[in-house]
Protein backbone atom coordinates (compact mmCIF):
# COMPACT_ATOMS: atom_id res chain seq x y z
CA MET A 1 50.57 38.51 84.71
CA GLY A 2 46.86 37.70 85.23
CA ALA A 3 45.85 40.76 83.26
CA GLY A 4 48.03 39.65 80.34
CA VAL A 5 46.43 36.19 80.29
CA ARG A 6 42.94 37.64 80.35
CA ALA A 7 43.84 40.00 77.49
CA ALA A 8 45.14 37.10 75.39
CA GLU A 9 42.00 35.04 76.02
CA THR A 10 39.84 38.02 75.13
CA ALA A 11 41.73 38.50 71.88
CA ARG A 12 41.40 34.79 71.03
CA GLU A 13 37.66 34.83 71.73
CA ALA A 14 37.34 37.88 69.56
CA ARG A 15 39.08 36.10 66.67
CA VAL A 16 36.86 33.02 67.11
CA ALA A 17 33.76 35.19 67.19
CA LYS A 18 34.91 37.04 64.08
CA ARG A 19 35.52 33.74 62.29
CA ARG A 20 32.09 32.47 63.28
CA ARG A 21 30.51 35.69 62.07
CA ARG A 22 32.23 35.34 58.69
CA LEU A 23 31.03 31.74 58.38
CA LEU A 24 27.50 32.80 59.24
CA GLU A 25 27.64 35.64 56.72
CA ARG A 26 28.87 33.30 54.00
CA ALA A 27 26.11 30.81 54.82
CA GLU A 28 23.54 33.58 54.63
CA VAL A 29 24.92 34.78 51.31
CA ARG A 30 24.79 31.25 49.90
CA ARG A 31 21.25 30.79 51.21
CA PHE A 32 20.01 34.02 49.68
CA THR A 33 21.77 33.42 46.34
CA ARG A 34 20.92 29.71 46.03
CA ARG A 35 17.88 30.30 43.82
CA ALA A 36 19.81 32.65 41.56
CA ARG A 37 22.63 30.12 41.27
CA HIS A 38 20.17 27.36 40.44
CA ARG A 39 18.55 29.53 37.78
CA ARG A 40 21.96 30.31 36.30
CA ALA A 41 22.89 26.61 36.24
CA ALA A 42 19.56 25.76 34.61
CA TRP A 43 20.06 28.40 31.93
CA ILE A 44 23.58 27.19 31.26
CA THR A 45 22.35 23.58 30.97
CA ALA A 46 19.53 24.63 28.66
CA GLY A 47 21.95 26.62 26.55
CA VAL A 48 24.25 23.63 26.20
CA VAL A 49 21.31 21.40 25.21
CA VAL A 50 20.14 23.92 22.58
CA VAL A 51 23.63 24.22 21.14
CA VAL A 52 24.06 20.44 20.99
CA PHE A 53 20.59 19.97 19.46
CA GLY A 54 21.21 22.70 16.92
CA ALA A 55 24.54 21.20 15.96
CA SER A 56 22.96 17.74 15.63
CA LEU A 57 20.15 19.19 13.50
CA LEU A 58 22.61 20.92 11.21
CA VAL A 59 24.56 17.69 10.84
CA ALA A 60 21.38 15.71 10.09
CA VAL A 61 19.98 18.21 7.58
CA TYR A 62 23.05 19.49 5.77
CA SER A 63 26.05 17.33 6.53
CA PRO A 64 27.18 14.61 4.11
CA LEU A 65 27.85 12.55 7.23
CA MET A 66 24.10 11.65 7.15
CA ALA A 67 23.68 11.49 3.38
CA LEU A 68 21.94 8.57 1.66
CA GLN A 69 24.37 6.03 0.24
CA THR A 70 22.49 2.73 0.21
CA ILE A 71 18.96 1.84 -0.93
CA GLU A 72 17.72 -1.56 0.23
CA VAL A 73 14.64 -3.11 -1.41
CA LYS A 74 12.69 -5.87 0.32
CA GLY A 75 9.61 -7.93 -0.56
CA THR A 76 10.13 -8.21 -4.30
CA ASN A 77 9.41 -11.28 -6.36
CA ARG A 78 8.09 -10.16 -9.72
CA VAL A 79 9.39 -6.58 -9.39
CA ASP A 80 12.97 -6.01 -10.56
CA ASP A 81 14.62 -4.72 -7.38
CA ALA A 82 17.67 -3.46 -9.30
CA ALA A 83 15.41 -1.37 -11.53
CA LEU A 84 13.61 -0.01 -8.47
CA ARG A 85 16.89 0.99 -6.82
CA GLN A 86 17.93 2.68 -10.05
CA ALA A 87 14.64 4.62 -10.17
CA LEU A 88 15.27 5.90 -6.65
CA SER A 89 18.96 6.64 -7.18
CA ASP A 90 18.34 10.39 -7.64
CA GLN A 91 17.98 10.51 -3.85
CA VAL A 92 21.54 9.24 -3.27
CA GLY A 93 23.73 11.95 -1.75
CA THR A 94 20.79 13.71 -0.09
CA PRO A 95 20.82 13.85 3.73
CA LEU A 96 18.23 11.43 5.15
CA ALA A 97 16.31 14.27 6.79
CA ARG A 98 15.87 15.99 3.40
CA LEU A 99 14.79 13.05 1.24
CA ASP A 100 12.03 13.99 -1.20
CA PHE A 101 9.33 11.40 -0.46
CA ASP A 102 6.95 12.93 -2.99
CA GLU A 103 9.51 12.09 -5.65
CA VAL A 104 9.98 8.64 -4.12
CA LYS A 105 6.21 8.11 -4.44
CA ARG A 106 6.25 9.18 -8.09
CA ASP A 107 9.19 6.89 -8.86
CA ILE A 108 7.54 3.87 -7.24
CA ALA A 109 4.24 4.62 -9.00
CA SER A 110 5.98 3.78 -12.28
CA PHE A 111 6.08 0.12 -11.15
CA PRO A 112 2.49 -1.12 -11.62
CA LEU A 113 3.20 -4.44 -9.89
CA ILE A 114 3.78 -2.65 -6.57
CA GLU A 115 0.53 -2.42 -4.63
CA SER A 116 1.95 -0.58 -1.61
CA TYR A 117 5.25 0.20 0.07
CA VAL A 118 6.79 1.38 3.33
CA THR A 119 10.02 3.37 3.69
CA GLU A 120 12.36 3.40 6.66
CA GLU A 121 15.38 5.65 7.15
CA VAL A 122 18.24 3.84 8.86
CA PRO A 123 20.98 6.29 9.90
CA PRO A 124 23.52 7.12 8.90
CA HIS A 125 23.29 6.22 5.20
CA THR A 126 20.47 3.78 4.38
CA LEU A 127 16.92 3.93 3.05
CA VAL A 128 14.94 0.66 3.26
CA VAL A 129 11.96 0.26 0.90
CA THR A 130 9.67 -2.68 1.71
CA VAL A 131 7.15 -3.35 -1.04
CA THR A 132 3.97 -5.40 -1.25
CA GLU A 133 3.46 -6.75 -4.72
CA ARG A 134 0.13 -7.20 -6.41
CA THR A 135 -1.28 -10.71 -6.15
CA PRO A 136 -3.30 -12.17 -9.04
CA VAL A 137 -6.63 -13.75 -8.10
CA VAL A 138 -8.11 -14.61 -11.52
CA ALA A 139 -6.94 -15.37 -15.01
CA VAL A 140 -8.31 -13.58 -18.07
CA GLN A 141 -7.93 -14.91 -21.60
CA SER A 142 -6.19 -12.48 -23.93
CA GLY A 143 -5.98 -13.88 -27.42
CA ASP A 144 -4.09 -17.14 -27.23
CA ALA A 145 -2.51 -16.21 -23.86
CA PHE A 146 -3.79 -15.72 -20.34
CA ASP A 147 -3.28 -12.67 -18.14
CA LEU A 148 -3.08 -13.09 -14.38
CA VAL A 149 -4.96 -10.15 -12.89
CA ASP A 150 -5.24 -8.69 -9.38
CA PRO A 151 -8.48 -7.31 -7.83
CA ALA A 152 -7.80 -3.81 -9.17
CA GLY A 153 -7.65 -5.11 -12.74
CA ILE A 154 -3.85 -4.81 -13.03
CA VAL A 155 -2.18 -7.51 -15.15
CA VAL A 156 0.49 -9.02 -12.93
CA GLN A 157 1.93 -11.39 -15.51
CA SER A 158 0.98 -13.34 -18.64
CA SER A 159 1.13 -17.03 -19.40
CA PRO A 160 0.92 -18.86 -22.75
CA SER A 161 -1.23 -21.54 -21.11
CA ARG A 162 -4.08 -21.42 -18.64
CA PRO A 163 -2.64 -21.43 -15.12
CA ASP A 164 -3.63 -24.22 -12.77
CA GLY A 165 -5.52 -23.39 -9.60
CA MET A 166 -6.72 -19.96 -10.72
CA PRO A 167 -10.32 -19.24 -11.82
CA LEU A 168 -10.85 -17.98 -15.33
CA ALA A 169 -12.89 -14.76 -15.24
CA ASP A 170 -15.37 -14.14 -18.03
CA VAL A 171 -14.84 -10.46 -18.83
CA ALA A 172 -16.65 -10.40 -22.14
CA ARG A 173 -19.06 -7.84 -20.70
CA ALA A 174 -16.92 -6.55 -17.83
CA LYS A 175 -13.79 -4.47 -18.33
CA LEU A 176 -10.78 -5.07 -16.11
CA GLY A 177 -11.05 -2.92 -13.00
CA SER A 178 -14.77 -2.24 -13.52
CA PRO A 179 -17.23 -2.63 -10.62
CA VAL A 180 -18.44 -5.93 -12.09
CA PHE A 181 -14.88 -7.24 -12.37
CA ARG A 182 -14.09 -6.12 -8.81
CA THR A 183 -17.21 -7.93 -7.62
CA MET A 184 -16.03 -11.16 -9.22
CA THR A 185 -12.63 -10.93 -7.58
CA GLU A 186 -14.22 -10.01 -4.24
CA VAL A 187 -16.28 -13.19 -4.36
CA VAL A 188 -13.24 -15.32 -5.27
CA LEU A 189 -11.28 -13.87 -2.35
CA ALA A 190 -14.18 -14.58 0.02
CA LEU A 191 -14.11 -18.31 -0.75
CA PRO A 192 -12.46 -20.66 1.73
CA SER A 193 -9.28 -22.18 0.31
CA THR A 194 -10.83 -25.65 0.08
CA VAL A 195 -13.60 -24.35 -2.18
CA ARG A 196 -11.50 -21.82 -4.09
CA ALA A 197 -9.20 -24.62 -5.20
CA GLN A 198 -12.21 -26.21 -6.95
CA VAL A 199 -13.37 -23.07 -8.80
CA THR A 200 -12.54 -23.13 -12.50
CA ASP A 201 -14.60 -20.17 -13.78
CA VAL A 202 -16.28 -17.02 -12.46
CA ALA A 203 -18.73 -14.87 -14.42
CA ALA A 204 -21.11 -11.96 -13.91
CA SER A 205 -23.11 -9.67 -16.15
CA THR A 206 -23.90 -7.30 -13.27
CA ALA A 207 -22.63 -6.92 -9.74
CA ASP A 208 -25.65 -8.87 -8.47
CA ASP A 209 -25.45 -12.10 -10.47
CA VAL A 210 -22.05 -13.67 -9.85
CA THR A 211 -21.86 -17.36 -10.75
CA LEU A 212 -19.06 -19.86 -10.22
CA THR A 213 -18.20 -23.12 -11.96
CA LEU A 214 -16.53 -25.91 -10.00
CA GLN A 215 -14.40 -28.80 -11.11
CA GLY A 216 -16.66 -31.55 -12.36
CA GLY A 217 -19.25 -29.14 -13.74
CA SER A 218 -21.23 -28.12 -10.65
CA THR A 219 -22.14 -24.43 -10.51
CA VAL A 220 -22.73 -21.87 -7.78
CA VAL A 221 -25.35 -19.12 -7.84
CA TRP A 222 -23.73 -16.49 -5.65
CA GLY A 223 -25.71 -13.36 -6.44
CA SER A 224 -24.41 -10.07 -5.05
CA PRO A 225 -21.21 -9.65 -3.00
CA GLU A 226 -23.25 -8.80 0.11
CA ASP A 227 -22.87 -11.25 3.01
CA SER A 228 -19.98 -12.92 1.20
CA SER A 229 -18.55 -14.34 4.43
CA ALA A 230 -21.83 -16.03 5.30
CA LYS A 231 -22.27 -17.28 1.73
CA ALA A 232 -18.74 -18.69 1.70
CA ALA A 233 -19.33 -20.59 4.95
CA LEU A 234 -22.65 -21.90 3.66
CA LEU A 235 -21.14 -23.00 0.35
CA ALA A 236 -18.32 -24.85 2.07
CA ALA A 237 -20.86 -26.71 4.22
CA LEU A 238 -23.08 -27.55 1.22
CA VAL A 239 -20.16 -28.82 -0.84
CA LYS A 240 -18.86 -30.97 2.00
CA ASP A 241 -22.32 -32.43 2.70
CA HIS A 242 -23.07 -33.12 -0.98
CA GLU A 243 -19.72 -34.80 -1.59
CA ALA A 244 -20.38 -37.06 1.38
CA ARG A 245 -23.92 -37.91 0.21
CA SER A 246 -23.51 -38.11 -3.55
CA PRO A 247 -19.91 -37.78 -4.71
CA GLY A 248 -19.42 -37.11 -8.39
CA SER A 249 -22.95 -35.92 -9.17
CA VAL A 250 -23.31 -32.52 -10.85
CA VAL A 251 -25.48 -29.99 -9.00
CA GLU A 252 -26.20 -26.32 -8.66
CA TYR A 253 -25.49 -24.71 -5.29
CA ASP A 254 -27.58 -21.62 -4.64
CA VAL A 255 -26.21 -19.45 -1.81
CA SER A 256 -27.67 -16.15 -3.00
CA ALA A 257 -29.76 -16.17 0.19
CA PRO A 258 -27.18 -17.11 2.87
CA ASP A 259 -29.87 -18.17 5.36
CA ASN A 260 -31.43 -20.65 2.91
CA GLY A 261 -28.92 -22.64 0.86
CA ILE A 262 -30.31 -24.82 -1.93
CA VAL A 263 -28.78 -27.73 -3.82
CA ARG A 264 -30.43 -28.49 -7.17
CA ALA A 265 -29.75 -31.48 -9.38
CA LYS A 266 -28.47 -30.71 -12.88
CA SER A 267 -29.31 -32.85 -15.89
């Protein structure tokens, strides 16, 4: 009887030992193959990512699901936004990722009143075009009418009468867009708003002899466009001081040397 019990216990211990050995072997196998399993999982994940990316790329580039349907135009005032959308309509139906922006540039270049623009693709179907229009800074007499012109010499619009609040540029000897004309507009833009509102005329025969005429008949000898910021600050101070001392009298302000402003009486 005792021998039978011992035999049973021995058999049970043998089974337990065998089970433990199997568990240890499995643990060892997992430990030795862990790196390989991790590499396999990484490759599988990378493969899935590549497939998904490739599919997304194909959809973006070729699928009509991402094709242009709507063109939005922002920032227009003088520019006809409907005409601009029509000019860009050849792009409609093209996937956003394949829009021809060289052609977009050529189409927009046919609108001279547009100074610059920015495009933005808004998935899935929209192209937003935000434009900056040209801003006139001087008026130029053209026959019986007046052209409002920007610093580049582009006519922004025309008016049958002289516009209020905009200097009249004497371009008898300076073509629109020429260096002399650009100098005149540069000087006008440098003026503080309080002084610019008083300027009625601007003239120059060269880029170094710009002169301004103010309301009431006073004139300004500006000279070259160099140090325009300093000249503008000096002119504003001289005008303010003179109006406080002798309002209504006609003088000549000379700011051609910004460190030595001069006010001369005019007969």
